Amino acid sequence: MGVTLFYNADCPDCGRRAGRTARLDWLRRVRVSTDDSPIGPVPRGEIVVVDDDTGRVFTGVYATRAVCIRVPAYMPYGLVLHIPPLLRIASRGKKGCNGDACEV
């Protein structure tokens, strides 16, 4: 039921956000890593999330949704991102992969 969140170690903002996510994840469902993701190096300002159970890879707003739905403090935002019109608004200008369905 967990995920691994990959981010770029050279991005200070990414490091702050990943640290905040780790602190708020009291259920320990999100593992944070600066290693290369399964799809290669993570660009600055982006995240790649891998579902530990299925191996599905998420990028863009889908990665954000995958993390938010697992961290109790972010859960309301994760639920909002399951509403198609709001997902489209949140993803404007950001392409991403939703498991097997990739827009990139």
Protein backbone atom coordinates (compact mmCIF):
# COMPACT_ATOMS: atom_id res chain seq x y z
CA MET A 1 0.00 0.00 0.00
CA GLY A 2 3.07 2.24 -0.04
CA VAL A 3 4.82 4.27 -2.70
CA THR A 4 8.34 5.50 -3.32
CA LEU A 5 8.68 9.19 -4.14
CA PHE A 6 11.75 10.03 -6.23
CA TYR A 7 12.95 13.64 -6.45
CA ASN A 8 16.03 15.52 -7.63
CA ALA A 9 18.53 16.04 -4.79
CA ASP A 10 19.85 19.21 -6.48
CA CYS A 11 16.49 20.96 -6.10
CA PRO A 12 16.28 22.68 -2.69
CA ASP A 13 12.50 23.21 -2.94
CA CYS A 14 11.98 19.53 -3.78
CA GLY A 15 14.06 18.55 -0.75
CA ARG A 16 11.98 20.77 1.54
CA ARG A 17 8.71 19.41 0.20
CA ALA A 18 9.89 15.80 0.38
CA GLY A 19 11.03 16.37 3.97
CA ARG A 20 7.68 17.88 4.89
CA THR A 21 5.88 14.95 3.29
CA ALA A 22 8.04 12.47 5.24
CA ARG A 23 7.31 14.31 8.52
CA LEU A 24 3.55 14.36 7.88
CA ASP A 25 3.47 10.70 6.83
CA TRP A 26 2.99 9.20 10.27
CA LEU A 27 1.60 6.01 8.69
CA ARG A 28 4.91 5.53 6.81
CA ARG A 29 3.27 4.89 3.43
CA VAL A 30 5.67 7.07 1.44
CA ARG A 31 9.36 6.27 1.09
CA VAL A 32 11.43 9.23 -0.12
CA SER A 33 14.45 8.69 -2.39
CA THR A 34 16.96 10.79 -4.32
CA ASP A 35 18.10 7.78 -6.39
CA ASP A 36 17.34 7.69 -10.10
CA SER A 37 13.75 6.63 -10.70
CA PRO A 38 12.88 3.57 -12.81
CA ILE A 39 12.38 5.92 -15.76
CA GLY A 40 15.71 7.69 -15.28
CA PRO A 41 16.96 10.84 -13.52
CA VAL A 42 14.22 13.07 -12.12
CA PRO A 43 14.25 16.62 -13.52
CA ARG A 44 14.42 19.54 -11.05
CA GLY A 45 10.98 20.53 -9.84
CA GLU A 46 9.41 17.18 -10.74
CA ILE A 47 8.65 13.97 -8.88
CA VAL A 48 8.27 10.37 -9.95
CA VAL A 49 6.22 8.04 -7.78
CA VAL A 50 6.28 4.24 -7.98
CA ASP A 51 3.61 2.07 -6.38
CA ASP A 52 5.58 -0.47 -4.33
CA ASP A 53 2.94 -3.19 -4.75
CA THR A 54 2.24 -2.97 -8.48
CA GLY A 55 5.33 -1.21 -9.84
CA ARG A 56 3.16 1.34 -11.66
CA VAL A 57 4.94 4.64 -12.34
CA PHE A 58 3.24 8.02 -11.88
CA THR A 59 4.47 11.46 -12.95
CA GLY A 60 2.99 14.96 -12.96
CA VAL A 61 -0.30 15.52 -11.19
CA TYR A 62 -0.85 11.75 -11.01
CA ALA A 63 2.30 11.43 -8.88
CA THR A 64 1.03 14.18 -6.60
CA ARG A 65 -2.32 12.42 -6.30
CA ALA A 66 -0.64 9.07 -5.51
CA VAL A 67 1.28 10.66 -2.63
CA CYS A 68 -1.59 12.79 -1.31
CA ILE A 69 -4.02 9.89 -1.09
CA ARG A 70 -1.57 8.05 1.22
CA VAL A 71 -0.53 10.89 3.58
CA PRO A 72 -3.35 11.66 6.05
CA ALA A 73 -2.62 15.40 6.16
CA TYR A 74 -2.79 15.60 2.34
CA MET A 75 -5.76 13.22 1.90
CA PRO A 76 -8.37 15.94 1.14
CA TYR A 77 -6.24 17.22 -1.73
CA GLY A 78 -5.74 13.67 -2.98
CA LEU A 79 -9.50 13.09 -2.97
CA VAL A 80 -10.11 16.34 -4.87
CA LEU A 81 -7.65 15.17 -7.54
CA HIS A 82 -9.96 12.19 -8.26
CA ILE A 83 -12.66 14.57 -9.57
CA PRO A 84 -12.01 14.77 -13.34
CA PRO A 85 -12.70 18.51 -13.88
CA LEU A 86 -10.49 19.44 -10.92
CA LEU A 87 -7.78 17.03 -12.07
CA ARG A 88 -7.76 18.76 -15.47
CA ILE A 89 -7.44 22.18 -13.81
CA ALA A 90 -4.61 20.99 -11.55
CA SER A 91 -2.76 19.40 -14.44
CA ARG A 92 -2.83 22.36 -16.84
CA GLY A 93 0.57 22.69 -18.45
CA LYS A 94 1.85 19.52 -16.77
CA LYS A 95 1.81 16.25 -18.60
CA GLY A 96 2.13 13.09 -16.62
CA CYS A 97 1.81 9.33 -16.50
CA ASN A 98 -1.05 7.61 -14.73
CA GLY A 99 0.37 4.15 -14.33
CA ASP A 100 0.11 2.72 -17.85
CA ALA A 101 -1.68 5.67 -19.50
CA CYS A 102 1.06 8.13 -20.39
CA GLU A 103 0.53 11.65 -21.81
CA VAL A 104 4.27 12.26 -22.23
